[in-house]
Amino acid sequence: MYVLIIFVHVLLISKAFFFKGKSTNEATVAGCRAMTKRVGSSAGAITVSNKGDVGIGFTSDRMAWAYQRRGKIYSGIDKDDEFCEDA
């Protein structure tokens, strides 16, 4: 069941990104909101576009996330966090 839900979630994000012209981050946030509405629980995702753009979205109060790009590590926990440090 969880695999199906995750697959549907990825499809929602892809649909928002490719068919509505949203940025990777906007599509990720929209996909998480749609998934939350669909399953009645919180959702979160870290996505990467085919161009390497990163999207972070979650509907829970907090979600730990991190990624590395071009010698920098980006991370956060709260919705508006984006900490950056050298790798």
C-alpha atoms as a PDB file:
ATOM      1  CA  MET A   1       0.000   0.000   0.000  1.00  0.00           C
ATOM      2  CA  TYR A   2       2.773   2.458   0.894  1.00  0.00           C
ATOM      3  CA  VAL A   3       4.590   1.868  -2.392  1.00  0.00           C
ATOM      4  CA  LEU A   4       1.411   2.722  -4.313  1.00  0.00           C
ATOM      5  CA  ILE A   5       0.890   5.891  -2.288  1.00  0.00           C
ATOM      6  CA  ILE A   6       4.473   7.003  -2.891  1.00  0.00           C
ATOM      7  CA  PHE A   7       4.136   6.264  -6.622  1.00  0.00           C
ATOM      8  CA  VAL A   8       0.917   8.324  -6.803  1.00  0.00           C
ATOM      9  CA  HIS A   9       2.705  11.106  -4.928  1.00  0.00           C
ATOM     10  CA  VAL A  10       5.550  11.134  -7.459  1.00  0.00           C
ATOM     11  CA  LEU A  11       3.030  11.284 -10.298  1.00  0.00           C
ATOM     12  CA  LEU A  12       1.313  14.276  -8.683  1.00  0.00           C
ATOM     13  CA  ILE A  13       4.623  16.109  -8.374  1.00  0.00           C
ATOM     14  CA  SER A  14       5.590  15.258 -11.964  1.00  0.00           C
ATOM     15  CA  LYS A  15       2.216  16.430 -13.254  1.00  0.00           C
ATOM     16  CA  ALA A  16       2.524  19.765 -11.435  1.00  0.00           C
ATOM     17  CA  PHE A  17       6.079  20.288 -12.680  1.00  0.00           C
ATOM     18  CA  PHE A  18       5.737  19.309 -16.318  1.00  0.00           C
ATOM     19  CA  PHE A  19       2.184  20.321 -17.146  1.00  0.00           C
ATOM     20  CA  LYS A  20       1.701  23.487 -15.120  1.00  0.00           C
ATOM     21  CA  GLY A  21       5.092  25.126 -15.559  1.00  0.00           C
ATOM     22  CA  LYS A  22       5.918  25.179 -11.850  1.00  0.00           C
ATOM     23  CA  SER A  23       9.440  25.261 -10.464  1.00  0.00           C
ATOM     24  CA  THR A  24      10.758  22.076  -8.893  1.00  0.00           C
ATOM     25  CA  ASN A  25      10.122  23.455  -5.411  1.00  0.00           C
ATOM     26  CA  GLU A  26       6.609  24.698  -6.242  1.00  0.00           C
ATOM     27  CA  ALA A  27       5.736  21.320  -7.771  1.00  0.00           C
ATOM     28  CA  THR A  28       7.060  19.483  -4.723  1.00  0.00           C
ATOM     29  CA  VAL A  29       5.046  21.636  -2.313  1.00  0.00           C
ATOM     30  CA  ALA A  30       1.912  21.256  -4.478  1.00  0.00           C
ATOM     31  CA  GLY A  31       2.407  17.485  -4.651  1.00  0.00           C
ATOM     32  CA  CYS A  32       2.756  17.236  -0.879  1.00  0.00           C
ATOM     33  CA  ARG A  33      -0.393  19.292  -0.326  1.00  0.00           C
ATOM     34  CA  ALA A  34      -2.323  17.111  -2.784  1.00  0.00           C
ATOM     35  CA  MET A  35      -1.050  13.950  -1.106  1.00  0.00           C
ATOM     36  CA  THR A  36      -2.003  15.261   2.340  1.00  0.00           C
ATOM     37  CA  LYS A  37      -5.501  15.993   1.092  1.00  0.00           C
ATOM     38  CA  ARG A  38      -5.747  12.577  -0.544  1.00  0.00           C
ATOM     39  CA  VAL A  39      -4.604  10.433   2.403  1.00  0.00           C
ATOM     40  CA  GLY A  40      -5.555  12.692   5.325  1.00  0.00           C
ATOM     41  CA  SER A  41      -2.060  12.695   6.787  1.00  0.00           C
ATOM     42  CA  SER A  42       1.134  14.688   6.344  1.00  0.00           C
ATOM     43  CA  ALA A  43       3.486  14.187   3.427  1.00  0.00           C
ATOM     44  CA  GLY A  44       7.017  15.188   2.540  1.00  0.00           C
ATOM     45  CA  ALA A  45       9.376  14.866  -0.392  1.00  0.00           C
ATOM     46  CA  ILE A  46      12.772  15.874  -1.691  1.00  0.00           C
ATOM     47  CA  THR A  47      12.790  15.963  -5.484  1.00  0.00           C
ATOM     48  CA  VAL A  48      15.427  16.552  -8.139  1.00  0.00           C
ATOM     49  CA  SER A  49      14.561  17.690 -11.665  1.00  0.00           C
ATOM     50  CA  ASN A  50      16.323  16.436 -14.771  1.00  0.00           C
ATOM     51  CA  LYS A  51      18.303  19.726 -14.670  1.00  0.00           C
ATOM     52  CA  GLY A  52      19.450  19.153 -11.082  1.00  0.00           C
ATOM     53  CA  ASP A  53      17.064  21.633  -9.440  1.00  0.00           C
ATOM     54  CA  VAL A  54      16.080  20.532  -5.924  1.00  0.00           C
ATOM     55  CA  GLY A  55      12.582  20.810  -4.458  1.00  0.00           C
ATOM     56  CA  ILE A  56      11.753  20.396  -0.784  1.00  0.00           C
ATOM     57  CA  GLY A  57       8.179  20.190   0.436  1.00  0.00           C
ATOM     58  CA  PHE A  58       6.346  18.909   3.484  1.00  0.00           C
ATOM     59  CA  THR A  59       3.029  19.392   5.211  1.00  0.00           C
ATOM     60  CA  SER A  60       4.102  18.225   8.658  1.00  0.00           C
ATOM     61  CA  ASP A  61       5.238  20.832  11.171  1.00  0.00           C
ATOM     62  CA  ARG A  62       8.876  19.874  10.619  1.00  0.00           C
ATOM     63  CA  MET A  63      10.943  17.587   8.393  1.00  0.00           C
ATOM     64  CA  ALA A  64      14.700  17.147   8.485  1.00  0.00           C
ATOM     65  CA  TRP A  65      16.257  17.429   5.024  1.00  0.00           C
ATOM     66  CA  ALA A  66      19.672  17.931   3.454  1.00  0.00           C
ATOM     67  CA  TYR A  67      21.424  17.756   0.109  1.00  0.00           C
ATOM     68  CA  GLN A  68      24.858  18.531  -1.267  1.00  0.00           C
ATOM     69  CA  ARG A  69      25.536  20.564  -4.385  1.00  0.00           C
ATOM     70  CA  ARG A  70      28.725  22.111  -5.779  1.00  0.00           C
ATOM     71  CA  GLY A  71      30.759  21.754  -2.573  1.00  0.00           C
ATOM     72  CA  LYS A  72      28.016  23.090  -0.285  1.00  0.00           C
ATOM     73  CA  ILE A  73      25.650  21.292   2.084  1.00  0.00           C
ATOM     74  CA  TYR A  74      22.127  22.689   2.357  1.00  0.00           C
ATOM     75  CA  SER A  75      19.872  21.617   5.221  1.00  0.00           C
ATOM     76  CA  GLY A  76      16.886  22.510   7.340  1.00  0.00           C
ATOM     77  CA  ILE A  77      14.112  21.301   9.589  1.00  0.00           C
ATOM     78  CA  ASP A  78      11.457  24.049   9.690  1.00  0.00           C
ATOM     79  CA  LYS A  79       9.548  25.309   6.626  1.00  0.00           C
ATOM     80  CA  ASP A  80      11.639  28.429   5.975  1.00  0.00           C
ATOM     81  CA  ASP A  81      15.033  26.929   6.895  1.00  0.00           C
ATOM     82  CA  GLU A  82      17.860  26.831   4.397  1.00  0.00           C
ATOM     83  CA  PHE A  83      21.224  26.557   6.069  1.00  0.00           C
ATOM     84  CA  CYS A  84      24.341  26.382   3.922  1.00  0.00           C
ATOM     85  CA  GLU A  85      27.852  25.315   4.842  1.00  0.00           C
ATOM     86  CA  ASP A  86      30.960  24.138   3.060  1.00  0.00           C
ATOM     87  CA  ALA A  87      31.118  20.391   2.437  1.00  0.00           C
END
